[in-house]
PDB file of all heavy atoms in Angstrom:
ATOM      1  N   VAL A   1      -0.394  -7.693   4.123  1.00  0.00           N
ATOM      2  CA  VAL A   1       0.982  -7.754   4.627  1.00  0.00           C
ATOM      3  C   VAL A   1       1.508  -9.185   4.595  1.00  0.00           C
ATOM      4  O   VAL A   1       2.699  -9.424   4.343  1.00  0.00           O
ATOM      5  CB  VAL A   1       1.071  -7.178   6.062  1.00  0.00           C
ATOM      6  CG1 VAL A   1       2.452  -7.401   6.650  1.00  0.00           C
ATOM      7  CG2 VAL A   1       0.744  -5.692   6.050  1.00  0.00           C
ATOM      8  N   GLU A   2       0.633 -10.140   4.820  1.00  0.00           N
ATOM      9  CA  GLU A   2       1.036 -11.548   4.840  1.00  0.00           C
ATOM     10  C   GLU A   2       1.126 -12.148   3.434  1.00  0.00           C
ATOM     11  O   GLU A   2       1.639 -13.260   3.275  1.00  0.00           O
ATOM     12  CB  GLU A   2       0.028 -12.361   5.659  1.00  0.00           C
ATOM     13  CG  GLU A   2      -0.114 -11.880   7.099  1.00  0.00           C
ATOM     14  CD  GLU A   2      -1.262 -12.573   7.814  1.00  0.00           C
ATOM     15  OE1 GLU A   2      -1.981 -13.352   7.150  1.00  0.00           O
ATOM     16  OE2 GLU A   2      -1.440 -12.337   9.014  1.00  0.00           O
ATOM     17  N   LYS A   3       0.648 -11.410   2.437  1.00  0.00           N
ATOM     18  CA  LYS A   3       0.548 -11.973   1.089  1.00  0.00           C
ATOM     19  C   LYS A   3       1.677 -11.563   0.152  1.00  0.00           C
ATOM     20  O   LYS A   3       1.850 -12.171  -0.913  1.00  0.00           O
ATOM     21  CB  LYS A   3      -0.790 -11.560   0.459  1.00  0.00           C
ATOM     22  CG  LYS A   3      -2.013 -12.066   1.223  1.00  0.00           C
ATOM     23  CD  LYS A   3      -2.105 -13.580   1.179  1.00  0.00           C
ATOM     24  CE  LYS A   3      -3.372 -14.093   1.860  1.00  0.00           C
ATOM     25  NZ  LYS A   3      -3.478 -15.560   1.795  1.00  0.00           N
ATOM     26  N   VAL A   4       2.425 -10.503   0.497  1.00  0.00           N
ATOM     27  CA  VAL A   4       3.490 -10.034  -0.387  1.00  0.00           C
ATOM     28  C   VAL A   4       4.825 -10.034   0.357  1.00  0.00           C
ATOM     29  O   VAL A   4       4.861  -9.922   1.589  1.00  0.00           O
ATOM     30  CB  VAL A   4       3.191  -8.625  -0.936  1.00  0.00           C
ATOM     31  CG1 VAL A   4       1.967  -8.640  -1.839  1.00  0.00           C
ATOM     32  CG2 VAL A   4       3.018  -7.610   0.191  1.00  0.00           C
ATOM     33  N   PRO A   5       5.945 -10.139  -0.387  1.00  0.00           N
ATOM     34  CA  PRO A   5       7.262 -10.109   0.261  1.00  0.00           C
ATOM     35  C   PRO A   5       7.518  -8.777   0.968  1.00  0.00           C
ATOM     36  O   PRO A   5       6.879  -7.764   0.679  1.00  0.00           O
ATOM     37  CB  PRO A   5       8.230 -10.286  -0.924  1.00  0.00           C
ATOM     38  CG  PRO A   5       7.421 -10.918  -2.004  1.00  0.00           C
ATOM     39  CD  PRO A   5       6.028 -10.370  -1.837  1.00  0.00           C
ATOM     40  N   GLU A   6       8.492  -8.788   1.886  1.00  0.00           N
ATOM     41  CA  GLU A   6       8.786  -7.602   2.686  1.00  0.00           C
ATOM     42  C   GLU A   6       9.286  -6.434   1.853  1.00  0.00           C
ATOM     43  O   GLU A   6       9.164  -5.276   2.274  1.00  0.00           O
ATOM     44  CB  GLU A   6       9.814  -7.947   3.762  1.00  0.00           C
ATOM     45  CG  GLU A   6       9.289  -8.888   4.832  1.00  0.00           C
ATOM     46  CD  GLU A   6      10.303  -9.147   5.927  1.00  0.00           C
ATOM     47  OE1 GLU A   6      11.450  -8.652   5.804  1.00  0.00           O
ATOM     48  OE2 GLU A   6       9.969  -9.843   6.904  1.00  0.00           O
ATOM     49  N   HIS A   7       9.858  -6.704   0.687  1.00  0.00           N
ATOM     50  CA  HIS A   7      10.377  -5.599  -0.127  1.00  0.00           C
ATOM     51  C   HIS A   7       9.284  -4.939  -0.976  1.00  0.00           C
ATOM     52  O   HIS A   7       9.559  -3.935  -1.645  1.00  0.00           O
ATOM     53  CB  HIS A   7      11.539  -6.058  -1.022  1.00  0.00           C
ATOM     54  CG  HIS A   7      11.181  -7.136  -1.996  1.00  0.00           C
ATOM     55  ND1 HIS A   7      11.219  -8.469  -1.675  1.00  0.00           N
ATOM     56  CD2 HIS A   7      10.782  -7.080  -3.302  1.00  0.00           C
ATOM     57  CE1 HIS A   7      10.873  -9.193  -2.727  1.00  0.00           C
ATOM     58  NE2 HIS A   7      10.591  -8.372  -3.728  1.00  0.00           N
ATOM     59  N   TRP A   8       8.088  -5.463  -0.964  1.00  0.00           N
ATOM     60  CA  TRP A   8       6.993  -4.843  -1.707  1.00  0.00           C
ATOM     61  C   TRP A   8       6.378  -3.700  -0.902  1.00  0.00           C
ATOM     62  O   TRP A   8       6.159  -3.815   0.301  1.00  0.00           O
ATOM     63  CB  TRP A   8       5.908  -5.869  -2.006  1.00  0.00           C
ATOM     64  CG  TRP A   8       6.154  -6.681  -3.249  1.00  0.00           C
ATOM     65  CD1 TRP A   8       7.267  -7.418  -3.533  1.00  0.00           C
ATOM     66  CD2 TRP A   8       5.270  -6.833  -4.364  1.00  0.00           C
ATOM     67  NE1 TRP A   8       7.142  -8.024  -4.756  1.00  0.00           N
ATOM     68  CE2 TRP A   8       5.927  -7.691  -5.285  1.00  0.00           C
ATOM     69  CE3 TRP A   8       4.002  -6.349  -4.661  1.00  0.00           C
ATOM     70  CZ2 TRP A   8       5.340  -8.048  -6.499  1.00  0.00           C
ATOM     71  CZ3 TRP A   8       3.416  -6.714  -5.862  1.00  0.00           C
ATOM     72  CH2 TRP A   8       4.082  -7.542  -6.779  1.00  0.00           C
ATOM     73  N   GLY A   9       6.061  -2.605  -1.599  1.00  0.00           N
ATOM     74  CA  GLY A   9       5.311  -1.528  -0.978  1.00  0.00           C
ATOM     75  C   GLY A   9       3.827  -1.843  -0.982  1.00  0.00           C
ATOM     76  O   GLY A   9       3.357  -2.636  -1.804  1.00  0.00           O
ATOM     77  N   ILE A  10       3.092  -1.212  -0.073  1.00  0.00           N
ATOM     78  CA  ILE A  10       1.655  -1.448   0.046  1.00  0.00           C
ATOM     79  C   ILE A  10       0.915  -0.121   0.094  1.00  0.00           C
ATOM     80  O   ILE A  10       1.248   0.756   0.905  1.00  0.00           O
ATOM     81  CB  ILE A  10       1.324  -2.258   1.311  1.00  0.00           C
ATOM     82  CG1 ILE A  10       2.020  -3.627   1.282  1.00  0.00           C
ATOM     83  CG2 ILE A  10      -0.179  -2.444   1.470  1.00  0.00           C
ATOM     84  CD1 ILE A  10       1.918  -4.396   2.597  1.00  0.00           C
ATOM     85  N   ILE A  11      -0.072   0.033  -0.765  1.00  0.00           N
ATOM     86  CA  ILE A  11      -0.957   1.201  -0.765  1.00  0.00           C
ATOM     87  C   ILE A  11      -2.381   0.705  -0.568  1.00  0.00           C
ATOM     88  O   ILE A  11      -2.825  -0.208  -1.274  1.00  0.00           O
ATOM     89  CB  ILE A  11      -0.850   1.996  -2.078  1.00  0.00           C
ATOM     90  CG1 ILE A  11       0.563   2.570  -2.247  1.00  0.00           C
ATOM     91  CG2 ILE A  11      -1.873   3.133  -2.103  1.00  0.00           C
ATOM     92  CD1 ILE A  11       0.780   3.269  -3.586  1.00  0.00           C
ATOM     93  N   THR A  12      -3.084   1.281   0.388  1.00  0.00           N
ATOM     94  CA  THR A  12      -4.484   0.915   0.597  1.00  0.00           C
ATOM     95  C   THR A  12      -5.377   1.999  -0.004  1.00  0.00           C
ATOM     96  O   THR A  12      -4.988   3.170  -0.093  1.00  0.00           O
ATOM     97  CB  THR A  12      -4.809   0.744   2.092  1.00  0.00           C
ATOM     98  OG1 THR A  12      -4.559   1.975   2.780  1.00  0.00           O
ATOM     99  CG2 THR A  12      -3.950  -0.353   2.698  1.00  0.00           C
ATOM    100  N   VAL A  13      -6.578   1.599  -0.395  1.00  0.00           N
ATOM    101  CA  VAL A  13      -7.500   2.543  -1.028  1.00  0.00           C
ATOM    102  C   VAL A  13      -8.912   2.305  -0.497  1.00  0.00           C
ATOM    103  O   VAL A  13      -9.340   1.165  -0.308  1.00  0.00           O
ATOM    104  CB  VAL A  13      -7.459   2.409  -2.577  1.00  0.00           C
ATOM    105  CG1 VAL A  13      -7.691   0.973  -3.012  1.00  0.00           C
ATOM    106  CG2 VAL A  13      -8.473   3.323  -3.234  1.00  0.00           C
ATOM    107  N   GLU A  14      -9.611   3.381  -0.231  1.00  0.00           N
ATOM    108  CA  GLU A  14     -10.992   3.311   0.238  1.00  0.00           C
ATOM    109  C   GLU A  14     -11.721   4.576  -0.184  1.00  0.00           C
ATOM    110  O   GLU A  14     -11.102   5.551  -0.635  1.00  0.00           O
ATOM    111  CB  GLU A  14     -11.038   3.161   1.759  1.00  0.00           C
ATOM    112  CG  GLU A  14     -10.413   4.326   2.507  1.00  0.00           C
ATOM    113  CD  GLU A  14     -10.414   4.107   4.014  1.00  0.00           C
ATOM    114  OE1 GLU A  14     -11.001   3.119   4.459  1.00  0.00           O
ATOM    115  OE2 GLU A  14      -9.839   4.949   4.723  1.00  0.00           O
ATOM    116  N   VAL A  15     -13.027   4.557  -0.046  1.00  0.00           N
ATOM    117  CA  VAL A  15     -13.827   5.743  -0.348  1.00  0.00           C
ATOM    118  C   VAL A  15     -14.093   6.487   0.951  1.00  0.00           C
ATOM    119  O   VAL A  15     -14.602   5.921   1.918  1.00  0.00           O
ATOM    120  CB  VAL A  15     -15.157   5.366  -1.024  1.00  0.00           C
ATOM    121  CG1 VAL A  15     -16.015   6.614  -1.231  1.00  0.00           C
ATOM    122  CG2 VAL A  15     -14.902   4.678  -2.355  1.00  0.00           C
ATOM    123  N   GLU A  16     -13.740   7.767   0.967  1.00  0.00           N
ATOM    124  CA  GLU A  16     -13.963   8.600   2.141  1.00  0.00           C
ATOM    125  C   GLU A  16     -14.592   9.913   1.703  1.00  0.00           C
ATOM    126  O   GLU A  16     -14.058  10.619   0.849  1.00  0.00           O
ATOM    127  CB  GLU A  16     -12.634   8.873   2.861  1.00  0.00           C
ATOM    128  CG  GLU A  16     -12.799   9.597   4.186  1.00  0.00           C
ATOM    129  CD  GLU A  16     -11.503   9.649   4.971  1.00  0.00           C
ATOM    130  OE1 GLU A  16     -10.769   8.656   4.983  1.00  0.00           O
ATOM    131  OE2 GLU A  16     -11.244  10.712   5.566  1.00  0.00           O
ATOM    132  N   ASP A  17     -15.748  10.217   2.280  1.00  0.00           N
ATOM    133  CA  ASP A  17     -16.494  11.431   1.898  1.00  0.00           C
ATOM    134  C   ASP A  17     -16.748  11.491   0.397  1.00  0.00           C
ATOM    135  O   ASP A  17     -16.660  12.554  -0.235  1.00  0.00           O
ATOM    136  CB  ASP A  17     -15.740  12.693   2.338  1.00  0.00           C
ATOM    137  CG  ASP A  17     -15.588  12.774   3.847  1.00  0.00           C
ATOM    138  OD1 ASP A  17     -16.499  12.300   4.558  1.00  0.00           O
ATOM    139  OD2 ASP A  17     -14.564  13.303   4.314  1.00  0.00           O
ATOM    140  N   GLY A  18     -17.043  10.341  -0.173  1.00  0.00           N
ATOM    141  CA  GLY A  18     -17.373  10.279  -1.590  1.00  0.00           C
ATOM    142  C   GLY A  18     -16.181  10.317  -2.535  1.00  0.00           C
ATOM    143  O   GLY A  18     -16.363  10.300  -3.750  1.00  0.00           O
ATOM    144  N   LYS A  19     -14.956  10.350  -1.995  1.00  0.00           N
ATOM    145  CA  LYS A  19     -13.759  10.406  -2.826  1.00  0.00           C
ATOM    146  C   LYS A  19     -12.876   9.190  -2.569  1.00  0.00           C
ATOM    147  O   LYS A  19     -12.840   8.656  -1.469  1.00  0.00           O
ATOM    148  CB  LYS A  19     -12.968  11.691  -2.543  1.00  0.00           C
ATOM    149  CG  LYS A  19     -13.712  12.969  -2.916  1.00  0.00           C
ATOM    150  CD  LYS A  19     -12.842  14.189  -2.659  1.00  0.00           C
ATOM    151  CE  LYS A  19     -13.562  15.471  -3.048  1.00  0.00           C
ATOM    152  NZ  LYS A  19     -12.713  16.678  -2.780  1.00  0.00           N
ATOM    153  N   VAL A  20     -12.148   8.785  -3.606  1.00  0.00           N
ATOM    154  CA  VAL A  20     -11.211   7.673  -3.471  1.00  0.00           C
ATOM    155  C   VAL A  20      -9.977   8.180  -2.746  1.00  0.00           C
ATOM    156  O   VAL A  20      -9.339   9.157  -3.169  1.00  0.00           O
ATOM    157  CB  VAL A  20     -10.830   7.102  -4.852  1.00  0.00           C
ATOM    158  CG1 VAL A  20      -9.831   5.954  -4.690  1.00  0.00           C
ATOM    159  CG2 VAL A  20     -12.069   6.616  -5.591  1.00  0.00           C
ATOM    160  N   ASP A  21      -9.637   7.528  -1.643  1.00  0.00           N
ATOM    161  CA  ASP A  21      -8.552   7.996  -0.791  1.00  0.00           C
ATOM    162  C   ASP A  21      -7.479   6.902  -0.673  1.00  0.00           C
ATOM    163  O   ASP A  21      -7.796   5.733  -0.479  1.00  0.00           O
ATOM    164  CB  ASP A  21      -9.094   8.342   0.602  1.00  0.00           C
ATOM    165  CG  ASP A  21      -8.041   8.973   1.479  1.00  0.00           C
ATOM    166  OD1 ASP A  21      -7.464   9.997   1.066  1.00  0.00           O
ATOM    167  OD2 ASP A  21      -7.786   8.439   2.575  1.00  0.00           O
ATOM    168  N   PHE A  22      -6.213   7.304  -0.771  1.00  0.00           N
ATOM    169  CA  PHE A  22      -5.095   6.367  -0.731  1.00  0.00           C
ATOM    170  C   PHE A  22      -4.229   6.616   0.498  1.00  0.00           C
ATOM    171  O   PHE A  22      -4.092   7.739   0.967  1.00  0.00           O
ATOM    172  CB  PHE A  22      -4.213   6.503  -1.981  1.00  0.00           C
ATOM    173  CG  PHE A  22      -4.929   6.151  -3.255  1.00  0.00           C
ATOM    174  CD1 PHE A  22      -5.594   7.124  -3.988  1.00  0.00           C
ATOM    175  CD2 PHE A  22      -4.937   4.852  -3.736  1.00  0.00           C
ATOM    176  CE1 PHE A  22      -6.249   6.814  -5.160  1.00  0.00           C
ATOM    177  CE2 PHE A  22      -5.596   4.523  -4.911  1.00  0.00           C
ATOM    178  CZ  PHE A  22      -6.257   5.512  -5.624  1.00  0.00           C
ATOM    179  N   TYR A  23      -3.619   5.534   0.970  1.00  0.00           N
ATOM    180  CA  TYR A  23      -2.689   5.641   2.091  1.00  0.00           C
ATOM    181  C   TYR A  23      -1.527   4.675   1.850  1.00  0.00           C
ATOM    182  O   TYR A  23      -1.751   3.478   1.592  1.00  0.00           O
ATOM    183  CB  TYR A  23      -3.375   5.286   3.413  1.00  0.00           C
ATOM    184  CG  TYR A  23      -2.427   5.224   4.586  1.00  0.00           C
ATOM    185  CD1 TYR A  23      -1.872   6.385   5.124  1.00  0.00           C
ATOM    186  CD2 TYR A  23      -2.073   3.996   5.157  1.00  0.00           C
ATOM    187  CE1 TYR A  23      -0.988   6.330   6.193  1.00  0.00           C
ATOM    188  CE2 TYR A  23      -1.198   3.931   6.227  1.00  0.00           C
ATOM    189  CZ  TYR A  23      -0.659   5.107   6.737  1.00  0.00           C
ATOM    190  OH  TYR A  23       0.213   5.060   7.789  1.00  0.00           O
ATOM    191  N   THR A  24      -0.306   5.191   1.901  1.00  0.00           N
ATOM    192  CA  THR A  24       0.869   4.336   1.722  1.00  0.00           C
ATOM    193  C   THR A  24       1.196   3.668   3.044  1.00  0.00           C
ATOM    194  O   THR A  24       1.752   4.289   3.956  1.00  0.00           O
ATOM    195  CB  THR A  24       2.078   5.145   1.216  1.00  0.00           C
ATOM    196  OG1 THR A  24       1.758   5.744  -0.051  1.00  0.00           O
ATOM    197  CG2 THR A  24       3.294   4.232   1.034  1.00  0.00           C
ATOM    198  N   LEU A  25       0.837   2.413   3.129  1.00  0.00           N
ATOM    199  CA  LEU A  25       1.080   1.646   4.348  1.00  0.00           C
ATOM    200  C   LEU A  25       2.552   1.271   4.485  1.00  0.00           C
ATOM    201  O   LEU A  25       3.103   1.245   5.590  1.00  0.00           O
ATOM    202  CB  LEU A  25       0.228   0.373   4.322  1.00  0.00           C
ATOM    203  CG  LEU A  25       0.324  -0.560   5.534  1.00  0.00           C
ATOM    204  CD1 LEU A  25      -0.219   0.138   6.787  1.00  0.00           C
ATOM    205  CD2 LEU A  25      -0.460  -1.846   5.262  1.00  0.00           C
ATOM    206  N   ARG A  26       3.200   1.016   3.352  1.00  0.00           N
ATOM    207  CA  ARG A  26       4.611   0.629   3.383  1.00  0.00           C
ATOM    208  C   ARG A  26       5.278   0.994   2.066  1.00  0.00           C
ATOM    209  O   ARG A  26       4.751   0.700   0.996  1.00  0.00           O
ATOM    210  CB  ARG A  26       4.720  -0.885   3.626  1.00  0.00           C
ATOM    211  CG  ARG A  26       6.127  -1.379   3.851  1.00  0.00           C
ATOM    212  CD  ARG A  26       6.100  -2.830   4.301  1.00  0.00           C
ATOM    213  NE  ARG A  26       5.870  -3.767   3.204  1.00  0.00           N
ATOM    214  CZ  ARG A  26       5.591  -5.054   3.368  1.00  0.00           C
ATOM    215  NH1 ARG A  26       5.475  -5.554   4.591  1.00  0.00           N
ATOM    216  NH2 ARG A  26       5.407  -5.859   2.323  1.00  0.00           N
ATOM    217  N   LEU A  27       6.421   1.667   2.128  1.00  0.00           N
ATOM    218  CA  LEU A  27       7.185   1.987   0.932  1.00  0.00           C
ATOM    219  C   LEU A  27       7.960   0.757   0.464  1.00  0.00           C
ATOM    220  O   LEU A  27       8.373  -0.077   1.281  1.00  0.00           O
ATOM    221  CB  LEU A  27       8.155   3.127   1.204  1.00  0.00           C
ATOM    222  CG  LEU A  27       7.540   4.520   1.379  1.00  0.00           C
ATOM    223  CD1 LEU A  27       8.597   5.508   1.873  1.00  0.00           C
ATOM    224  CD2 LEU A  27       6.926   5.004   0.064  1.00  0.00           C
ATOM    225  N   PRO A  28       8.172   0.634  -0.842  1.00  0.00           N
ATOM    226  CA  PRO A  28       8.911  -0.531  -1.330  1.00  0.00           C
ATOM    227  C   PRO A  28      10.411  -0.390  -1.090  1.00  0.00           C
ATOM    228  O   PRO A  28      10.953   0.718  -1.060  1.00  0.00           O
ATOM    229  CB  PRO A  28       8.595  -0.535  -2.827  1.00  0.00           C
ATOM    230  CG  PRO A  28       8.387   0.910  -3.159  1.00  0.00           C
ATOM    231  CD  PRO A  28       7.723   1.505  -1.946  1.00  0.00           C
ATOM    232  N   LEU A  29      11.068  -1.530  -0.933  1.00  0.00           N
ATOM    233  CA  LEU A  29      12.522  -1.587  -0.888  1.00  0.00           C
ATOM    234  C   LEU A  29      13.015  -2.083  -2.242  1.00  0.00           C
ATOM    235  O   LEU A  29      12.253  -2.649  -3.031  1.00  0.00           O
ATOM    236  CB  LEU A  29      12.978  -2.544   0.216  1.00  0.00           C
ATOM    237  CG  LEU A  29      12.505  -2.218   1.638  1.00  0.00           C
ATOM    238  CD1 LEU A  29      12.945  -3.321   2.604  1.00  0.00           C
ATOM    239  CD2 LEU A  29      13.038  -0.863   2.088  1.00  0.00           C
ATOM    240  N   ILE A  30      14.305  -1.857  -2.524  1.00  0.00           N
ATOM    241  CA  ILE A  30      14.847  -2.326  -3.795  1.00  0.00           C
ATOM    242  C   ILE A  30      14.604  -3.820  -3.928  1.00  0.00           C
ATOM    243  O   ILE A  30      14.800  -4.590  -2.986  1.00  0.00           O
ATOM    244  CB  ILE A  30      16.352  -1.989  -3.906  1.00  0.00           C
ATOM    245  CG1 ILE A  30      16.887  -2.331  -5.292  1.00  0.00           C
ATOM    246  CG2 ILE A  30      17.150  -2.637  -2.814  1.00  0.00           C
ATOM    247  CD1 ILE A  30      16.389  -1.439  -6.387  1.00  0.00           C
ATOM    248  N   ASN A  31      14.162  -4.227  -5.088  1.00  0.00           N
ATOM    249  CA  ASN A  31      13.824  -5.629  -5.349  1.00  0.00           C
ATOM    250  C   ASN A  31      15.104  -6.443  -5.534  1.00  0.00           C
ATOM    251  O   ASN A  31      15.864  -6.201  -6.485  1.00  0.00           O
ATOM    252  CB  ASN A  31      12.950  -5.689  -6.612  1.00  0.00           C
ATOM    253  CG  ASN A  31      12.693  -7.093  -7.087  1.00  0.00           C
ATOM    254  OD1 ASN A  31      12.850  -8.058  -6.362  1.00  0.00           O
ATOM    255  ND2 ASN A  31      12.286  -7.199  -8.345  1.00  0.00           N
ATOM    256  N   PRO A  32      15.373  -7.406  -4.674  1.00  0.00           N
ATOM    257  CA  PRO A  32      16.606  -8.193  -4.789  1.00  0.00           C
ATOM    258  C   PRO A  32      16.575  -9.227  -5.907  1.00  0.00           C
ATOM    259  O   PRO A  32      17.599  -9.837  -6.220  1.00  0.00           O
ATOM    260  CB  PRO A  32      16.702  -8.888  -3.417  1.00  0.00           C
ATOM    261  CG  PRO A  32      15.284  -9.054  -2.988  1.00  0.00           C
ATOM    262  CD  PRO A  32      14.568  -7.832  -3.503  1.00  0.00           C
TER     263      PRO A  32
END
């Protein structure tokens, strides 16, 4: 969160129960 601008979306990824799992932490805003 501290490394990208506020208009960038963030997706995290981890392995859960042997599968790659994604979570959208923040949706992107239009790039100014």
